[in-house]
Amino acid sequence: MPYIAWHPRTRRPLVVLTRSGAGARVRLVHSDTPFEVPVPELQHYPWAADPHAPPGFVAVLLDTPHAVREGDWVVVVGCARRVRAQAACSAGSRVLELEGYGKWVLAAPRVAYRRPSAGGRAP
């Protein structure tokens, strides 16, 4: 199952598709093109020092825009903003009301930040 990792050298979140030996096949969150990176260069969320993560929140990959929840945080224009409300926009997108920003359309897979679930370390 894919998971999110932080690449500290490039300061970007990556989706780890597979790991084998010393290499990992990854892709950028908004890209379909996979590439290889050395496993030691990856830091697994939520313990990585992600500059966008609000304190006490962990990164989750929203595979579809419909996976977003009120109370999640998303990064827009370089700042993490809390989702206050959401509504359907089209078949594959959601309109989010973001605190301190206004309305914004989420139309693609994206990293969001969410409080860890009570039963485990990550949601």
Protein backbone atom coordinates (compact mmCIF):
# COMPACT_ATOMS: atom_id res chain seq x y z
CA MET A 1 0.00 0.00 0.00
CA PRO A 2 1.43 3.43 -0.93
CA TYR A 3 2.34 5.80 1.87
CA ILE A 4 3.66 9.34 2.22
CA ALA A 5 7.31 10.04 2.93
CA TRP A 6 9.24 13.26 3.33
CA HIS A 7 12.35 13.88 1.26
CA PRO A 8 14.39 16.30 3.39
CA ARG A 9 16.90 17.22 0.67
CA THR A 10 14.21 18.51 -1.73
CA ARG A 11 11.73 19.36 1.09
CA ARG A 12 8.88 17.65 -0.79
CA PRO A 13 6.34 14.99 0.14
CA LEU A 14 6.53 11.83 -1.96
CA VAL A 15 4.21 8.87 -2.44
CA VAL A 16 6.24 5.70 -1.87
CA LEU A 17 4.92 3.06 -4.26
CA THR A 18 7.32 0.19 -3.53
CA ARG A 19 10.53 -0.45 -1.62
CA SER A 20 13.12 -3.03 -2.55
CA GLY A 21 16.57 -3.30 -1.03
CA ALA A 22 18.27 0.09 -0.90
CA GLY A 23 15.89 1.81 -3.34
CA ALA A 24 12.34 3.06 -3.28
CA ARG A 25 10.07 3.71 -6.26
CA VAL A 26 8.32 7.00 -5.56
CA ARG A 27 6.36 9.74 -7.29
CA LEU A 28 5.50 13.32 -6.47
CA VAL A 29 1.99 13.80 -5.10
CA HIS A 30 0.75 15.62 -8.22
CA SER A 31 2.59 13.45 -10.75
CA ASP A 32 2.12 10.03 -12.30
CA THR A 33 5.80 9.65 -13.25
CA PRO A 34 7.63 7.34 -10.83
CA PHE A 35 11.36 7.56 -10.11
CA GLU A 36 13.87 5.90 -7.78
CA VAL A 37 15.47 7.34 -4.63
CA PRO A 38 17.74 5.72 -2.02
CA VAL A 39 15.71 4.50 0.97
CA PRO A 40 17.98 6.21 3.55
CA GLU A 41 17.03 9.60 2.02
CA LEU A 42 13.36 9.15 2.97
CA GLN A 43 11.81 10.00 6.31
CA HIS A 44 8.45 8.40 7.04
CA TYR A 45 5.59 10.59 8.17
CA PRO A 46 4.49 11.61 10.80
CA TRP A 47 7.90 11.76 12.46
CA ALA A 48 9.54 13.81 9.71
CA ALA A 49 10.06 17.52 10.17
CA ASP A 50 7.56 18.74 7.58
CA PRO A 51 7.53 22.55 7.60
CA HIS A 52 3.85 22.64 6.56
CA ALA A 53 2.44 20.29 9.21
CA PRO A 54 0.55 21.98 12.04
CA PRO A 55 1.71 20.75 15.49
CA GLY A 56 0.00 17.50 16.49
CA PHE A 57 -1.13 16.62 12.96
CA VAL A 58 0.11 13.87 10.63
CA ALA A 59 0.21 13.75 6.83
CA VAL A 60 -2.31 11.65 4.92
CA LEU A 61 -2.68 11.20 1.19
CA LEU A 62 -6.10 12.16 -0.13
CA ASP A 63 -6.42 9.75 -3.06
CA THR A 64 -9.58 11.56 -4.16
CA PRO A 65 -10.95 15.00 -3.31
CA HIS A 66 -13.89 13.28 -1.58
CA ALA A 67 -11.53 11.95 1.13
CA VAL A 68 -11.04 15.42 2.65
CA ARG A 69 -12.71 16.08 6.02
CA GLU A 70 -13.68 19.24 7.84
CA GLY A 71 -10.88 20.02 10.29
CA ASP A 72 -8.14 18.75 7.93
CA TRP A 73 -5.40 21.14 6.89
CA VAL A 74 -4.23 21.57 3.28
CA VAL A 75 -1.33 23.63 1.93
CA VAL A 76 -2.41 26.43 -0.38
CA VAL A 77 -0.03 29.16 -1.57
CA GLY A 78 2.70 27.87 0.75
CA CYS A 79 0.63 27.96 3.97
CA ALA A 80 -1.34 25.24 5.77
CA ARG A 81 -5.00 26.24 6.05
CA ARG A 82 -7.80 24.52 7.98
CA VAL A 83 -10.85 23.20 6.11
CA ARG A 84 -13.90 24.87 7.69
CA ALA A 85 -16.55 23.50 5.28
CA GLN A 86 -16.78 21.60 2.01
CA ALA A 87 -19.26 21.01 -0.79
CA ALA A 88 -19.40 19.09 -4.05
CA CYS A 89 -18.17 21.01 -7.08
CA SER A 90 -18.18 18.45 -9.89
CA ALA A 91 -17.88 14.68 -10.20
CA GLY A 92 -14.22 14.67 -9.20
CA SER A 93 -13.71 17.80 -7.11
CA ARG A 94 -14.74 19.56 -3.91
CA VAL A 95 -15.06 23.24 -3.00
CA LEU A 96 -13.34 23.84 0.33
CA GLU A 97 -13.92 26.83 2.61
CA LEU A 98 -10.44 27.46 4.03
CA GLU A 99 -9.80 29.46 7.18
CA GLY A 100 -8.06 32.72 6.31
CA TYR A 101 -8.28 32.09 2.57
CA GLY A 102 -11.86 31.64 1.36
CA LYS A 103 -13.12 29.14 -1.19
CA TRP A 104 -10.71 26.87 -3.02
CA VAL A 105 -11.30 23.92 -5.39
CA LEU A 106 -9.61 20.60 -4.56
CA ALA A 107 -9.50 18.64 -7.80
CA ALA A 108 -6.53 16.24 -7.54
CA PRO A 109 -4.80 13.91 -5.07
CA ARG A 110 -3.09 15.92 -2.36
CA VAL A 111 -1.38 15.66 1.00
CA ALA A 112 -3.52 16.84 3.91
CA TYR A 113 -2.82 16.99 7.62
CA ARG A 114 -5.13 15.32 10.13
CA ARG A 115 -5.06 14.58 13.87
CA PRO A 116 -3.88 11.01 14.56
CA SER A 117 -6.65 8.53 15.23
CA ALA A 118 -7.14 7.47 18.87
CA GLY A 119 -6.44 3.81 18.10
CA GLY A 120 -3.06 4.20 16.42
CA ARG A 121 -0.18 6.45 15.54
CA ALA A 122 -1.47 7.46 12.11
CA PRO A 123 -4.96 7.73 10.58
